[in-house]
Amino acid sequence: MSTFFLSIALGLLFLMLFSMYRALFGPTVLDRLIGVNAIGSKTVILLLLIGFLYERVDMFVDIALAYAFLNFVAVLAASRYFHKRKGLYEESFMD
């Protein structure tokens, strides 16, 4: 069973690369925020899979919930900041 969870975790890490690309090279700030949020959501699932691998799901559920809440608040704060700055839908100047 641990081989199954390990293979799922490795597949999830591979899928996180696509979100990392969107977070780093997204044409707009909104694309980057969505990429960062997707990475945070996949990290929560990855924490739960690690809990299953170590057979300590109860401890890792608490950590995953705290991380999910911090991810939600951080993305919400960043989106409000860029919305107030009127730069949420404009192209970034990093290019």
PDB file of N, CA and C in Angstrom:
ATOM      1  N   MET A   1       0.815  -1.191   0.000  1.00  0.00           N
ATOM      2  CA  MET A   1       0.000   0.000   0.000  1.00  0.00           C
ATOM      3  C   MET A   1       0.862   1.259   0.000  1.00  0.00           C
ATOM      4  N   SER A   2       2.023   1.199   0.663  1.00  0.00           N
ATOM      5  CA  SER A   2       2.881   2.380   0.683  1.00  0.00           C
ATOM      6  C   SER A   2       3.452   2.679  -0.700  1.00  0.00           C
ATOM      7  N   THR A   3       3.621   1.653  -1.523  1.00  0.00           N
ATOM      8  CA  THR A   3       4.085   1.882  -2.897  1.00  0.00           C
ATOM      9  C   THR A   3       3.047   2.668  -3.686  1.00  0.00           C
ATOM     10  N   PHE A   4       1.785   2.373  -3.444  1.00  0.00           N
ATOM     11  CA  PHE A   4       0.706   3.097  -4.121  1.00  0.00           C
ATOM     12  C   PHE A   4       0.719   4.575  -3.731  1.00  0.00           C
ATOM     13  N   PHE A   5       0.808   4.866  -2.417  1.00  0.00           N
ATOM     14  CA  PHE A   5       0.820   6.248  -1.971  1.00  0.00           C
ATOM     15  C   PHE A   5       2.072   6.980  -2.452  1.00  0.00           C
ATOM     16  N   LEU A   6       3.194   6.277  -2.493  1.00  0.00           N
ATOM     17  CA  LEU A   6       4.428   6.902  -2.969  1.00  0.00           C
ATOM     18  C   LEU A   6       4.336   7.227  -4.454  1.00  0.00           C
ATOM     19  N   SER A   7       3.743   6.338  -5.236  1.00  0.00           N
ATOM     20  CA  SER A   7       3.609   6.620  -6.673  1.00  0.00           C
ATOM     21  C   SER A   7       2.630   7.772  -6.923  1.00  0.00           C
ATOM     22  N   ILE A   8       1.563   7.846  -6.134  1.00  0.00           N
ATOM     23  CA  ILE A   8       0.627   8.964  -6.255  1.00  0.00           C
ATOM     24  C   ILE A   8       1.319  10.274  -5.887  1.00  0.00           C
ATOM     25  N   ALA A   9       2.140  10.259  -4.840  1.00  0.00           N
ATOM     26  CA  ALA A   9       2.857  11.466  -4.420  1.00  0.00           C
ATOM     27  C   ALA A   9       3.842  11.915  -5.491  1.00  0.00           C
ATOM     28  N   LEU A  10       4.537  10.984  -6.114  1.00  0.00           N
ATOM     29  CA  LEU A  10       5.470  11.354  -7.177  1.00  0.00           C
ATOM     30  C   LEU A  10       4.733  11.904  -8.396  1.00  0.00           C
ATOM     31  N   GLY A  11       3.595  11.333  -8.717  1.00  0.00           N
ATOM     32  CA  GLY A  11       2.780  11.872  -9.810  1.00  0.00           C
ATOM     33  C   GLY A  11       2.281  13.271  -9.507  1.00  0.00           C
ATOM     34  N   LEU A  12       1.913  13.498  -8.259  1.00  0.00           N
ATOM     35  CA  LEU A  12       1.462  14.828  -7.860  1.00  0.00           C
ATOM     36  C   LEU A  12       2.603  15.850  -7.925  1.00  0.00           C
ATOM     37  N   LEU A  13       3.797  15.421  -7.548  1.00  0.00           N
ATOM     38  CA  LEU A  13       4.951  16.313  -7.678  1.00  0.00           C
ATOM     39  C   LEU A  13       5.220  16.656  -9.142  1.00  0.00           C
ATOM     40  N   PHE A  14       5.039  15.692 -10.025  1.00  0.00           N
ATOM     41  CA  PHE A  14       5.201  15.957 -11.447  1.00  0.00           C
ATOM     42  C   PHE A  14       4.168  16.962 -11.945  1.00  0.00           C
ATOM     43  N   LEU A  15       2.923  16.823 -11.489  1.00  0.00           N
ATOM     44  CA  LEU A  15       1.877  17.762 -11.892  1.00  0.00           C
ATOM     45  C   LEU A  15       2.111  19.159 -11.316  1.00  0.00           C
ATOM     46  N   MET A  16       2.796  19.238 -10.194  1.00  0.00           N
ATOM     47  CA  MET A  16       3.090  20.543  -9.608  1.00  0.00           C
ATOM     48  C   MET A  16       4.062  21.343 -10.469  1.00  0.00           C
ATOM     49  N   LEU A  17       4.819  20.662 -11.314  1.00  0.00           N
ATOM     50  CA  LEU A  17       5.739  21.373 -12.205  1.00  0.00           C
ATOM     51  C   LEU A  17       4.981  22.274 -13.184  1.00  0.00           C
ATOM     52  N   PHE A  18       3.808  21.830 -13.646  1.00  0.00           N
ATOM     53  CA  PHE A  18       3.017  22.654 -14.557  1.00  0.00           C
ATOM     54  C   PHE A  18       2.513  23.917 -13.863  1.00  0.00           C
ATOM     55  N   SER A  19       2.099  23.766 -12.613  1.00  0.00           N
ATOM     56  CA  SER A  19       1.663  24.937 -11.851  1.00  0.00           C
ATOM     57  C   SER A  19       2.843  25.858 -11.551  1.00  0.00           C
ATOM     58  N   MET A  20       4.019  25.270 -11.337  1.00  0.00           N
ATOM     59  CA  MET A  20       5.209  26.074 -11.093  1.00  0.00           C
ATOM     60  C   MET A  20       5.567  26.900 -12.329  1.00  0.00           C
ATOM     61  N   TYR A  21       5.407  26.298 -13.506  1.00  0.00           N
ATOM     62  CA  TYR A  21       5.657  27.037 -14.737  1.00  0.00           C
ATOM     63  C   TYR A  21       4.696  28.220 -14.859  1.00  0.00           C
ATOM     64  N   ARG A  22       3.410  27.988 -14.528  1.00  0.00           N
ATOM     65  CA  ARG A  22       2.427  29.073 -14.607  1.00  0.00           C
ATOM     66  C   ARG A  22       2.722  30.157 -13.577  1.00  0.00           C
ATOM     67  N   ALA A  23       3.204  29.756 -12.400  1.00  0.00           N
ATOM     68  CA  ALA A  23       3.507  30.742 -11.358  1.00  0.00           C
ATOM     69  C   ALA A  23       4.746  31.562 -11.709  1.00  0.00           C
ATOM     70  N   LEU A  24       5.697  30.976 -12.389  1.00  0.00           N
ATOM     71  CA  LEU A  24       6.926  31.703 -12.720  1.00  0.00           C
ATOM     72  C   LEU A  24       6.822  32.508 -14.005  1.00  0.00           C
ATOM     73  N   PHE A  25       6.167  31.948 -15.023  1.00  0.00           N
ATOM     74  CA  PHE A  25       6.175  32.579 -16.339  1.00  0.00           C
ATOM     75  C   PHE A  25       4.795  33.013 -16.803  1.00  0.00           C
ATOM     76  N   GLY A  26       3.846  33.142 -15.890  1.00  0.00           N
ATOM     77  CA  GLY A  26       2.498  33.558 -16.275  1.00  0.00           C
ATOM     78  C   GLY A  26       2.512  34.952 -16.871  1.00  0.00           C
ATOM     79  N   PRO A  27       1.750  35.171 -17.915  1.00  0.00           N
ATOM     80  CA  PRO A  27       1.789  36.495 -18.544  1.00  0.00           C
ATOM     81  C   PRO A  27       1.179  37.597 -17.681  1.00  0.00           C
ATOM     82  N   THR A  28       0.222  37.265 -16.815  1.00  0.00           N
ATOM     83  CA  THR A  28      -0.386  38.287 -15.963  1.00  0.00           C
ATOM     84  C   THR A  28      -0.215  37.898 -14.498  1.00  0.00           C
ATOM     85  N   VAL A  29      -0.487  38.848 -13.642  1.00  0.00           N
ATOM     86  CA  VAL A  29      -0.395  38.599 -12.207  1.00  0.00           C
ATOM     87  C   VAL A  29      -1.455  37.590 -11.781  1.00  0.00           C
ATOM     88  N   LEU A  30      -2.615  37.640 -12.408  1.00  0.00           N
ATOM     89  CA  LEU A  30      -3.686  36.707 -12.080  1.00  0.00           C
ATOM     90  C   LEU A  30      -3.270  35.267 -12.380  1.00  0.00           C
ATOM     91  N   ASP A  31      -2.588  35.049 -13.500  1.00  0.00           N
ATOM     92  CA  ASP A  31      -2.090  33.709 -13.815  1.00  0.00           C
ATOM     93  C   ASP A  31      -1.090  33.230 -12.772  1.00  0.00           C
ATOM     94  N   ARG A  32      -0.266  34.116 -12.307  1.00  0.00           N
ATOM     95  CA  ARG A  32       0.726  33.744 -11.288  1.00  0.00           C
ATOM     96  C   ARG A  32       0.055  33.415  -9.964  1.00  0.00           C
ATOM     97  N   LEU A  33      -0.963  34.181  -9.599  1.00  0.00           N
ATOM     98  CA  LEU A  33      -1.690  33.879  -8.363  1.00  0.00           C
ATOM     99  C   LEU A  33      -2.400  32.532  -8.449  1.00  0.00           C
ATOM    100  N   ILE A  34      -2.976  32.226  -9.582  1.00  0.00           N
ATOM    101  CA  ILE A  34      -3.645  30.941  -9.762  1.00  0.00           C
ATOM    102  C   ILE A  34      -2.622  29.808  -9.692  1.00  0.00           C
ATOM    103  N   GLY A  35      -1.449  30.012 -10.269  1.00  0.00           N
ATOM    104  CA  GLY A  35      -0.396  28.999 -10.193  1.00  0.00           C
ATOM    105  C   GLY A  35       0.061  28.744  -8.767  1.00  0.00           C
ATOM    106  N   VAL A  36       0.232  29.813  -8.011  1.00  0.00           N
ATOM    107  CA  VAL A  36       0.654  29.666  -6.611  1.00  0.00           C
ATOM    108  C   VAL A  36      -0.436  28.984  -5.799  1.00  0.00           C
ATOM    109  N   ASN A  37      -1.690  29.320  -6.052  1.00  0.00           N
ATOM    110  CA  ASN A  37      -2.797  28.685  -5.342  1.00  0.00           C
ATOM    111  C   ASN A  37      -2.888  27.206  -5.682  1.00  0.00           C
ATOM    112  N   ALA A  38      -2.661  26.850  -6.918  1.00  0.00           N
ATOM    113  CA  ALA A  38      -2.693  25.441  -7.304  1.00  0.00           C
ATOM    114  C   ALA A  38      -1.557  24.661  -6.644  1.00  0.00           C
ATOM    115  N   ILE A  39      -0.390  25.273  -6.541  1.00  0.00           N
ATOM    116  CA  ILE A  39       0.725  24.618  -5.856  1.00  0.00           C
ATOM    117  C   ILE A  39       0.379  24.397  -4.386  1.00  0.00           C
ATOM    118  N   GLY A  40      -0.229  25.380  -3.760  1.00  0.00           N
ATOM    119  CA  GLY A  40      -0.617  25.244  -2.360  1.00  0.00           C
ATOM    120  C   GLY A  40      -1.662  24.161  -2.148  1.00  0.00           C
ATOM    121  N   SER A  41      -2.617  24.065  -3.060  1.00  0.00           N
ATOM    122  CA  SER A  41      -3.654  23.033  -2.942  1.00  0.00           C
ATOM    123  C   SER A  41      -3.075  21.639  -3.116  1.00  0.00           C
ATOM    124  N   LYS A  42      -2.163  21.492  -4.054  1.00  0.00           N
ATOM    125  CA  LYS A  42      -1.532  20.189  -4.258  1.00  0.00           C
ATOM    126  C   LYS A  42      -0.602  19.834  -3.103  1.00  0.00           C
ATOM    127  N   THR A  43      -0.030  20.831  -2.457  1.00  0.00           N
ATOM    128  CA  THR A  43       0.824  20.578  -1.305  1.00  0.00           C
ATOM    129  C   THR A  43       0.013  20.035  -0.135  1.00  0.00           C
ATOM    130  N   VAL A  44      -1.216  20.492   0.012  1.00  0.00           N
ATOM    131  CA  VAL A  44      -2.086  19.967   1.071  1.00  0.00           C
ATOM    132  C   VAL A  44      -2.324  18.473   0.854  1.00  0.00           C
ATOM    133  N   ILE A  45      -2.617  18.076  -0.370  1.00  0.00           N
ATOM    134  CA  ILE A  45      -2.821  16.652  -0.676  1.00  0.00           C
ATOM    135  C   ILE A  45      -1.529  15.880  -0.466  1.00  0.00           C
ATOM    136  N   LEU A  46      -0.409  16.485  -0.826  1.00  0.00           N
ATOM    137  CA  LEU A  46       0.884  15.831  -0.627  1.00  0.00           C
ATOM    138  C   LEU A  46       1.178  15.616   0.853  1.00  0.00           C
ATOM    139  N   LEU A  47       0.820  16.568   1.695  1.00  0.00           N
ATOM    140  CA  LEU A  47       0.998  16.396   3.136  1.00  0.00           C
ATOM    141  C   LEU A  47       0.149  15.239   3.663  1.00  0.00           C
ATOM    142  N   LEU A  48      -1.060  15.109   3.155  1.00  0.00           N
ATOM    143  CA  LEU A  48      -1.898  13.988   3.578  1.00  0.00           C
ATOM    144  C   LEU A  48      -1.328  12.646   3.120  1.00  0.00           C
ATOM    145  N   LEU A  49      -0.772  12.618   1.922  1.00  0.00           N
ATOM    146  CA  LEU A  49      -0.132  11.385   1.451  1.00  0.00           C
ATOM    147  C   LEU A  49       1.088  11.027   2.287  1.00  0.00           C
ATOM    148  N   ILE A  50       1.840  12.025   2.697  1.00  0.00           N
ATOM    149  CA  ILE A  50       2.980  11.766   3.585  1.00  0.00           C
ATOM    150  C   ILE A  50       2.492  11.214   4.917  1.00  0.00           C
ATOM    151  N   GLY A  51       1.368  11.717   5.397  1.00  0.00           N
ATOM    152  CA  GLY A  51       0.780  11.184   6.623  1.00  0.00           C
ATOM    153  C   GLY A  51       0.404   9.717   6.483  1.00  0.00           C
ATOM    154  N   PHE A  52      -0.139   9.339   5.327  1.00  0.00           N
ATOM    155  CA  PHE A  52      -0.456   7.929   5.101  1.00  0.00           C
ATOM    156  C   PHE A  52       0.809   7.080   5.026  1.00  0.00           C
ATOM    157  N   LEU A  53       1.874   7.629   4.420  1.00  0.00           N
ATOM    158  CA  LEU A  53       3.121   6.867   4.320  1.00  0.00           C
ATOM    159  C   LEU A  53       3.759   6.621   5.681  1.00  0.00           C
ATOM    160  N   TYR A  54       3.717   7.616   6.554  1.00  0.00           N
ATOM    161  CA  TYR A  54       4.301   7.469   7.891  1.00  0.00           C
ATOM    162  C   TYR A  54       3.312   6.909   8.918  1.00  0.00           C
ATOM    163  N   GLU A  55       2.089   6.621   8.467  1.00  0.00           N
ATOM    164  CA  GLU A  55       1.025   6.097   9.334  1.00  0.00           C
ATOM    165  C   GLU A  55       0.746   7.019  10.523  1.00  0.00           C
ATOM    166  N   ARG A  56       0.810   8.315  10.285  1.00  0.00           N
ATOM    167  CA  ARG A  56       0.495   9.344  11.281  1.00  0.00           C
ATOM    168  C   ARG A  56      -0.451  10.367  10.664  1.00  0.00           C
ATOM    169  N   VAL A  57      -1.573   9.901  10.161  1.00  0.00           N
ATOM    170  CA  VAL A  57      -2.500  10.763   9.440  1.00  0.00           C
ATOM    171  C   VAL A  57      -3.056  11.838  10.362  1.00  0.00           C
ATOM    172  N   ASP A  58      -3.279  11.507  11.627  1.00  0.00           N
ATOM    173  CA  ASP A  58      -3.872  12.478  12.545  1.00  0.00           C
ATOM    174  C   ASP A  58      -3.003  13.718  12.708  1.00  0.00           C
ATOM    175  N   MET A  59      -1.701  13.540  12.755  1.00  0.00           N
ATOM    176  CA  MET A  59      -0.805  14.685  12.890  1.00  0.00           C
ATOM    177  C   MET A  59      -0.733  15.496  11.584  1.00  0.00           C
ATOM    178  N   PHE A  60      -0.671  14.798  10.457  1.00  0.00           N
ATOM    179  CA  PHE A  60      -0.521  15.485   9.184  1.00  0.00           C
ATOM    180  C   PHE A  60      -1.812  16.152   8.720  1.00  0.00           C
ATOM    181  N   VAL A  61      -2.953  15.710   9.195  1.00  0.00           N
ATOM    182  CA  VAL A  61      -4.207  16.394   8.869  1.00  0.00           C
ATOM    183  C   VAL A  61      -4.210  17.782   9.481  1.00  0.00           C
ATOM    184  N   ASP A  62      -3.733  17.896  10.707  1.00  0.00           N
ATOM    185  CA  ASP A  62      -3.655  19.213  11.345  1.00  0.00           C
ATOM    186  C   ASP A  62      -2.700  20.139  10.600  1.00  0.00           C
ATOM    187  N   ILE A  63      -1.571  19.596  10.198  1.00  0.00           N
ATOM    188  CA  ILE A  63      -0.593  20.400   9.451  1.00  0.00           C
ATOM    189  C   ILE A  63      -1.167  20.814   8.103  1.00  0.00           C
ATOM    190  N   ALA A  64      -1.860  19.894   7.428  1.00  0.00           N
ATOM    191  CA  ALA A  64      -2.440  20.196   6.117  1.00  0.00           C
ATOM    192  C   ALA A  64      -3.540  21.246   6.229  1.00  0.00           C
ATOM    193  N   LEU A  65      -4.353  21.169   7.268  1.00  0.00           N
ATOM    194  CA  LEU A  65      -5.407  22.175   7.451  1.00  0.00           C
ATOM    195  C   LEU A  65      -4.824  23.556   7.724  1.00  0.00           C
ATOM    196  N   ALA A  66      -3.783  23.614   8.544  1.00  0.00           N
ATOM    197  CA  ALA A  66      -3.135  24.900   8.815  1.00  0.00           C
ATOM    198  C   ALA A  66      -2.503  25.463   7.547  1.00  0.00           C
ATOM    199  N   TYR A  67      -1.866  24.600   6.762  1.00  0.00           N
ATOM    200  CA  TYR A  67      -1.245  25.061   5.518  1.00  0.00           C
ATOM    201  C   TYR A  67      -2.309  25.519   4.517  1.00  0.00           C
ATOM    202  N   ALA A  68      -3.427  24.818   4.440  1.00  0.00           N
ATOM    203  CA  ALA A  68      -4.495  25.218   3.523  1.00  0.00           C
ATOM    204  C   ALA A  68      -5.062  26.573   3.910  1.00  0.00           C
ATOM    205  N   PHE A  69      -5.233  26.805   5.208  1.00  0.00           N
ATOM    206  CA  PHE A  69      -5.743  28.095   5.660  1.00  0.00           C
ATOM    207  C   PHE A  69      -4.753  29.214   5.344  1.00  0.00           C
ATOM    208  N   LEU A  70      -3.463  28.988   5.592  1.00  0.00           N
ATOM    209  CA  LEU A  70      -2.448  30.003   5.282  1.00  0.00           C
ATOM    210  C   LEU A  70      -2.367  30.268   3.785  1.00  0.00           C
ATOM    211  N   ASN A  71      -2.485  29.228   2.979  1.00  0.00           N
ATOM    212  CA  ASN A  71      -2.460  29.395   1.529  1.00  0.00           C
ATOM    213  C   ASN A  71      -3.657  30.223   1.070  1.00  0.00           C
ATOM    214  N   PHE A  72      -4.824  29.936   1.609  1.00  0.00           N
ATOM    215  CA  PHE A  72      -6.025  30.676   1.239  1.00  0.00           C
ATOM    216  C   PHE A  72      -5.903  32.149   1.618  1.00  0.00           C
ATOM    217  N   VAL A  73      -5.459  32.425   2.824  1.00  0.00           N
ATOM    218  CA  VAL A  73      -5.340  33.807   3.286  1.00  0.00           C
ATOM    219  C   VAL A  73      -4.282  34.563   2.483  1.00  0.00           C
ATOM    220  N   ALA A  74      -3.167  33.897   2.174  1.00  0.00           N
ATOM    221  CA  ALA A  74      -2.104  34.564   1.419  1.00  0.00           C
ATOM    222  C   ALA A  74      -2.543  34.911   0.001  1.00  0.00           C
ATOM    223  N   VAL A  75      -3.214  33.998  -0.670  1.00  0.00           N
ATOM    224  CA  VAL A  75      -3.671  34.269  -2.032  1.00  0.00           C
ATOM    225  C   VAL A  75      -4.775  35.317  -2.019  1.00  0.00           C
ATOM    226  N   LEU A  76      -5.648  35.273  -1.037  1.00  0.00           N
ATOM    227  CA  LEU A  76      -6.700  36.275  -0.920  1.00  0.00           C
ATOM    228  C   LEU A  76      -6.116  37.667  -0.665  1.00  0.00           C
ATOM    229  N   ALA A  77      -5.118  37.745   0.212  1.00  0.00           N
ATOM    230  CA  ALA A  77      -4.482  39.037   0.493  1.00  0.00           C
ATOM    231  C   ALA A  77      -3.735  39.561  -0.731  1.00  0.00           C
ATOM    232  N   ALA A  78      -3.048  38.691  -1.434  1.00  0.00           N
ATOM    233  CA  ALA A  78      -2.323  39.129  -2.627  1.00  0.00           C
ATOM    234  C   ALA A  78      -3.283  39.581  -3.721  1.00  0.00           C
ATOM    235  N   SER A  79      -4.389  38.875  -3.883  1.00  0.00           N
ATOM    236  CA  SER A  79      -5.339  39.284  -4.921  1.00  0.00           C
ATOM    237  C   SER A  79      -6.012  40.612  -4.572  1.00  0.00           C
ATOM    238  N   ARG A  80      -6.301  40.835  -3.306  1.00  0.00           N
ATOM    239  CA  ARG A  80      -6.869  42.135  -2.907  1.00  0.00           C
ATOM    240  C   ARG A  80      -5.854  43.259  -3.118  1.00  0.00           C
ATOM    241  N   TYR A  81      -4.602  42.980  -2.813  1.00  0.00           N
ATOM    242  CA  TYR A  81      -3.560  43.984  -2.995  1.00  0.00           C
ATOM    243  C   TYR A  81      -3.431  44.370  -4.467  1.00  0.00           C
ATOM    244  N   PHE A  82      -3.356  43.379  -5.340  1.00  0.00           N
ATOM    245  CA  PHE A  82      -3.203  43.683  -6.758  1.00  0.00           C
ATOM    246  C   PHE A  82      -4.482  44.249  -7.363  1.00  0.00           C
ATOM    247  N   HIS A  83      -5.626  43.898  -6.817  1.00  0.00           N
ATOM    248  CA  HIS A  83      -6.868  44.484  -7.305  1.00  0.00           C
ATOM    249  C   HIS A  83      -6.950  45.966  -6.935  1.00  0.00           C
ATOM    250  N   LYS A  84      -6.519  46.314  -5.727  1.00  0.00           N
ATOM    251  CA  LYS A  84      -6.502  47.726  -5.315  1.00  0.00           C
ATOM    252  C   LYS A  84      -5.482  48.516  -6.122  1.00  0.00           C
ATOM    253  N   ARG A  85      -4.390  47.867  -6.490  1.00  0.00           N
ATOM    254  CA  ARG A  85      -3.363  48.521  -7.293  1.00  0.00           C
ATOM    255  C   ARG A  85      -3.744  48.602  -8.757  1.00  0.00           C
ATOM    256  N   LYS A  86      -4.831  47.985  -9.143  1.00  0.00           N
ATOM    257  CA  LYS A  86      -5.307  47.937 -10.527  1.00  0.00           C
ATOM    258  C   LYS A  86      -4.311  47.228 -11.440  1.00  0.00           C
ATOM    259  N   GLY A  87      -3.590  46.256 -10.902  1.00  0.00           N
ATOM    260  CA  GLY A  87      -2.622  45.540 -11.718  1.00  0.00           C
ATOM    261  C   GLY A  87      -2.916  44.069 -11.826  1.00  0.00           C
ATOM    262  N   LEU A  88      -4.121  43.653 -11.492  1.00  0.00           N
ATOM    263  CA  LEU A  88      -4.430  42.236 -11.472  1.00  0.00           C
ATOM    264  C   LEU A  88      -4.568  41.662 -12.874  1.00  0.00           C
ATOM    265  N   TYR A  89      -5.112  42.418 -13.793  1.00  0.00           N
ATOM    266  CA  TYR A  89      -5.356  41.904 -15.137  1.00  0.00           C
ATOM    267  C   TYR A  89      -4.370  42.429 -16.171  1.00  0.00           C
ATOM    268  N   GLU A  90      -3.420  43.255 -15.736  1.00  0.00           N
ATOM    269  CA  GLU A  90      -2.447  43.782 -16.684  1.00  0.00           C
ATOM    270  C   GLU A  90      -1.271  42.832 -16.805  1.00  0.00           C
ATOM    271  N   GLU A  91      -0.543  42.980 -17.911  1.00  0.00           N
ATOM    272  CA  GLU A  91       0.629  42.144 -18.104  1.00  0.00           C
ATOM    273  C   GLU A  91       1.723  42.579 -17.147  1.00  0.00           C
ATOM    274  N   SER A  92       2.550  41.624 -16.770  1.00  0.00           N
ATOM    275  CA  SER A  92       3.595  41.930 -15.791  1.00  0.00           C
ATOM    276  C   SER A  92       4.785  42.589 -16.491  1.00  0.00           C
ATOM    277  N   PHE A  93       5.604  43.222 -15.696  1.00  0.00           N
ATOM    278  CA  PHE A  93       6.770  43.903 -16.225  1.00  0.00           C
ATOM    279  C   PHE A  93       8.019  43.062 -16.098  1.00  0.00           C
ATOM    280  N   MET A  94       7.888  41.782 -15.781  1.00  0.00           N
ATOM    281  CA  MET A  94       9.041  40.912 -15.586  1.00  0.00           C
ATOM    282  C   MET A  94       9.632  40.461 -16.910  1.00  0.00           C
ATOM    283  N   ASP A  95       8.888  40.540 -17.995  1.00  0.00           N
ATOM    284  CA  ASP A  95       9.355  40.027 -19.287  1.00  0.00           C
ATOM    285  C   ASP A  95      10.411  40.859 -19.905  1.00  0.00           C
TER     286      ASP A  95
END
